[in-house]
Amino acid sequence: MDMDDLKQAFIAWNEELIAANTPKEETYITTKEAEKLLKVCHSTLWRWHNEKYLEKIKIGNKVRYRLSDVERILKGIL
């Protein structure tokens, strides 16, 4: 491995590190979308919010859920 190979490897590693630490824009979904994705009813979402399992987000007078939180539940990561 020469200096150019080492330099390219370091640049690639640095770009991966920057990409991993860059905050991603959050996507919010409606209650109906959360119910459909999780295959649960409205009362289950209400209970999960009270148990802090899946927190709802109030945006103005609308209720939304973070898509990342829903995906976490779907993947089984508690």
N, C-alpha and C. Protein backbone atom coordinates (compact mmCIF):
# COMPACT_ATOMS: atom_id res chain seq x y z
N MET A 1 0.86 -1.17 0.00
CA MET A 1 0.00 0.00 0.00
C MET A 1 0.91 1.24 0.00
N ASP A 2 0.75 2.07 -1.01
CA ASP A 2 1.56 3.27 -1.06
C ASP A 2 0.79 4.47 -0.49
N MET A 3 1.39 5.63 -0.54
CA MET A 3 0.81 6.83 0.07
C MET A 3 -0.51 7.23 -0.60
N ASP A 4 -0.62 7.07 -1.92
CA ASP A 4 -1.87 7.43 -2.61
C ASP A 4 -3.02 6.51 -2.18
N ASP A 5 -2.74 5.21 -2.03
CA ASP A 5 -3.76 4.27 -1.57
C ASP A 5 -4.21 4.62 -0.15
N LEU A 6 -3.24 4.95 0.69
CA LEU A 6 -3.54 5.31 2.07
C LEU A 6 -4.37 6.60 2.12
N LYS A 7 -4.00 7.55 1.28
CA LYS A 7 -4.74 8.82 1.23
C LYS A 7 -6.18 8.59 0.77
N GLN A 8 -6.38 7.77 -0.25
CA GLN A 8 -7.73 7.48 -0.75
C GLN A 8 -8.56 6.73 0.29
N ALA A 9 -7.93 5.82 1.00
CA ALA A 9 -8.64 5.08 2.05
C ALA A 9 -9.06 6.02 3.17
N PHE A 10 -8.18 6.95 3.54
CA PHE A 10 -8.52 7.91 4.59
C PHE A 10 -9.65 8.82 4.14
N ILE A 11 -9.62 9.29 2.91
CA ILE A 11 -10.69 10.16 2.39
C ILE A 11 -12.02 9.43 2.40
N ALA A 12 -12.03 8.18 1.95
CA ALA A 12 -13.27 7.39 1.94
C ALA A 12 -13.78 7.17 3.36
N TRP A 13 -12.89 6.85 4.29
CA TRP A 13 -13.28 6.65 5.68
C TRP A 13 -13.85 7.94 6.27
N ASN A 14 -13.22 9.07 5.98
CA ASN A 14 -13.68 10.36 6.49
C ASN A 14 -15.06 10.71 5.94
N GLU A 15 -15.31 10.45 4.66
CA GLU A 15 -16.62 10.72 4.06
C GLU A 15 -17.70 9.85 4.70
N GLU A 16 -17.39 8.59 4.98
CA GLU A 16 -18.34 7.71 5.66
C GLU A 16 -18.65 8.22 7.06
N LEU A 17 -17.63 8.67 7.76
CA LEU A 17 -17.80 9.20 9.11
C LEU A 17 -18.68 10.45 9.10
N ILE A 18 -18.45 11.34 8.16
CA ILE A 18 -19.25 12.56 8.05
C ILE A 18 -20.70 12.21 7.71
N ALA A 19 -20.90 11.29 6.78
CA ALA A 19 -22.26 10.89 6.40
C ALA A 19 -23.00 10.25 7.56
N ALA A 20 -22.31 9.46 8.36
CA ALA A 20 -22.95 8.79 9.50
C ALA A 20 -23.34 9.78 10.59
N ASN A 21 -22.62 10.88 10.71
CA ASN A 21 -22.89 11.84 11.77
C ASN A 21 -23.70 13.05 11.32
N THR A 22 -24.07 13.09 10.06
CA THR A 22 -24.89 14.19 9.56
C THR A 22 -26.34 13.91 9.93
N PRO A 23 -26.98 14.86 10.62
CA PRO A 23 -28.39 14.62 10.99
C PRO A 23 -29.26 14.48 9.75
N LYS A 24 -30.14 13.51 9.78
CA LYS A 24 -31.04 13.29 8.66
C LYS A 24 -32.36 14.00 8.95
N GLU A 25 -32.98 14.50 7.90
CA GLU A 25 -34.25 15.18 8.05
C GLU A 25 -35.32 14.15 8.44
N GLU A 26 -36.06 14.45 9.47
CA GLU A 26 -37.08 13.54 9.99
C GLU A 26 -38.34 13.62 9.14
N THR A 27 -38.96 12.47 8.94
CA THR A 27 -40.24 12.39 8.24
C THR A 27 -41.31 12.07 9.26
N TYR A 28 -42.43 12.79 9.17
CA TYR A 28 -43.55 12.59 10.08
C TYR A 28 -44.73 12.02 9.32
N ILE A 29 -45.45 11.10 9.96
CA ILE A 29 -46.60 10.48 9.32
C ILE A 29 -47.84 10.71 10.17
N THR A 30 -48.99 10.58 9.53
CA THR A 30 -50.26 10.78 10.23
C THR A 30 -50.60 9.56 11.09
N THR A 31 -51.63 9.74 11.90
CA THR A 31 -52.12 8.64 12.73
C THR A 31 -52.59 7.48 11.86
N LYS A 32 -53.33 7.80 10.81
CA LYS A 32 -53.84 6.74 9.90
C LYS A 32 -52.68 5.98 9.25
N GLU A 33 -51.64 6.70 8.85
CA GLU A 33 -50.49 6.03 8.23
C GLU A 33 -49.77 5.14 9.25
N ALA A 34 -49.65 5.62 10.48
CA ALA A 34 -49.00 4.82 11.54
C ALA A 34 -49.82 3.57 11.82
N GLU A 35 -51.15 3.73 11.90
CA GLU A 35 -52.02 2.57 12.14
C GLU A 35 -51.85 1.53 11.04
N LYS A 36 -51.81 2.00 9.80
CA LYS A 36 -51.71 1.08 8.66
C LYS A 36 -50.35 0.36 8.65
N LEU A 37 -49.27 1.11 8.86
CA LEU A 37 -47.93 0.50 8.84
C LEU A 37 -47.75 -0.51 9.98
N LEU A 38 -48.24 -0.15 11.16
CA LEU A 38 -48.06 -1.00 12.33
C LEU A 38 -49.15 -2.06 12.49
N LYS A 39 -50.22 -1.91 11.69
CA LYS A 39 -51.36 -2.85 11.76
C LYS A 39 -51.96 -2.87 13.16
N VAL A 40 -52.20 -1.66 13.68
CA VAL A 40 -52.83 -1.51 15.00
C VAL A 40 -53.96 -0.49 14.89
N CYS A 41 -54.80 -0.44 15.91
CA CYS A 41 -55.90 0.52 15.92
C CYS A 41 -55.49 1.79 16.67
N HIS A 42 -56.37 2.77 16.59
CA HIS A 42 -56.11 4.07 17.21
C HIS A 42 -55.89 3.94 18.72
N SER A 43 -56.65 3.09 19.38
CA SER A 43 -56.50 2.95 20.84
C SER A 43 -55.14 2.36 21.21
N THR A 44 -54.58 1.53 20.35
CA THR A 44 -53.24 0.98 20.61
C THR A 44 -52.20 2.09 20.52
N LEU A 45 -52.32 2.96 19.53
CA LEU A 45 -51.40 4.10 19.43
C LEU A 45 -51.52 5.00 20.66
N TRP A 46 -52.74 5.20 21.11
CA TRP A 46 -52.97 6.03 22.29
C TRP A 46 -52.29 5.40 23.51
N ARG A 47 -52.46 4.07 23.68
CA ARG A 47 -51.85 3.37 24.81
C ARG A 47 -50.33 3.41 24.71
N TRP A 48 -49.79 3.18 23.51
CA TRP A 48 -48.35 3.21 23.33
C TRP A 48 -47.78 4.59 23.66
N HIS A 49 -48.52 5.64 23.33
CA HIS A 49 -48.07 6.98 23.67
C HIS A 49 -48.03 7.15 25.19
N ASN A 50 -49.07 6.70 25.87
CA ASN A 50 -49.11 6.82 27.33
C ASN A 50 -48.00 6.01 28.00
N GLU A 51 -47.61 4.90 27.39
CA GLU A 51 -46.53 4.05 27.92
C GLU A 51 -45.15 4.52 27.45
N LYS A 52 -45.11 5.60 26.65
CA LYS A 52 -43.87 6.14 26.08
C LYS A 52 -43.18 5.16 25.14
N TYR A 53 -43.95 4.25 24.57
CA TYR A 53 -43.42 3.27 23.61
C TYR A 53 -43.32 3.90 22.22
N LEU A 54 -44.34 4.69 21.85
CA LEU A 54 -44.36 5.41 20.58
C LEU A 54 -44.99 6.76 20.85
N GLU A 55 -44.15 7.77 20.92
CA GLU A 55 -44.64 9.09 21.28
C GLU A 55 -45.19 9.83 20.07
N LYS A 56 -46.31 10.49 20.29
CA LYS A 56 -46.88 11.31 19.23
C LYS A 56 -46.26 12.70 19.32
N ILE A 57 -46.25 13.38 18.19
CA ILE A 57 -45.70 14.72 18.09
C ILE A 57 -46.84 15.64 17.68
N LYS A 58 -47.01 16.74 18.39
CA LYS A 58 -48.02 17.73 18.04
C LYS A 58 -47.35 18.78 17.15
N ILE A 59 -47.87 18.92 15.94
CA ILE A 59 -47.41 19.95 15.01
C ILE A 59 -48.63 20.84 14.77
N GLY A 60 -48.63 21.98 15.43
CA GLY A 60 -49.82 22.82 15.40
C GLY A 60 -50.92 22.08 16.14
N ASN A 61 -52.05 21.87 15.46
CA ASN A 61 -53.14 21.11 16.08
C ASN A 61 -53.24 19.70 15.51
N LYS A 62 -52.19 19.26 14.82
CA LYS A 62 -52.18 17.93 14.19
C LYS A 62 -51.27 16.98 14.96
N VAL A 63 -51.64 15.72 14.98
CA VAL A 63 -50.84 14.68 15.63
C VAL A 63 -50.06 13.94 14.55
N ARG A 64 -48.78 13.79 14.76
CA ARG A 64 -47.92 13.07 13.84
C ARG A 64 -47.04 12.11 14.63
N TYR A 65 -46.47 11.15 13.91
CA TYR A 65 -45.53 10.20 14.50
C TYR A 65 -44.26 10.23 13.66
N ARG A 66 -43.12 10.06 14.32
CA ARG A 66 -41.86 9.99 13.57
C ARG A 66 -41.80 8.67 12.83
N LEU A 67 -41.51 8.74 11.55
CA LEU A 67 -41.39 7.52 10.75
C LEU A 67 -40.25 6.66 11.28
N SER A 68 -39.18 7.28 11.76
CA SER A 68 -38.05 6.50 12.30
C SER A 68 -38.47 5.69 13.52
N ASP A 69 -39.38 6.24 14.36
CA ASP A 69 -39.87 5.50 15.52
C ASP A 69 -40.74 4.31 15.09
N VAL A 70 -41.57 4.53 14.07
CA VAL A 70 -42.42 3.45 13.57
C VAL A 70 -41.55 2.34 12.97
N GLU A 71 -40.53 2.74 12.20
CA GLU A 71 -39.62 1.75 11.61
C GLU A 71 -38.86 0.98 12.69
N ARG A 72 -38.50 1.66 13.77
CA ARG A 72 -37.82 1.00 14.90
C ARG A 72 -38.71 -0.10 15.47
N ILE A 73 -39.99 0.18 15.62
CA ILE A 73 -40.92 -0.82 16.14
C ILE A 73 -41.06 -1.97 15.15
N LEU A 74 -41.17 -1.65 13.87
CA LEU A 74 -41.30 -2.69 12.85
C LEU A 74 -40.09 -3.61 12.80
N LYS A 75 -38.91 -3.05 13.06
CA LYS A 75 -37.70 -3.86 13.06
C LYS A 75 -37.50 -4.61 14.37
N GLY A 76 -38.33 -4.29 15.37
CA GLY A 76 -38.24 -4.99 16.64
C GLY A 76 -37.20 -4.43 17.59
N ILE A 77 -36.75 -3.21 17.30
CA ILE A 77 -35.76 -2.56 18.18
C ILE A 77 -36.53 -1.75 19.21
N LEU A 78 -36.48 -2.19 20.43
CA LEU A 78 -37.23 -1.50 21.49
C LEU A 78 -36.26 -0.65 22.21
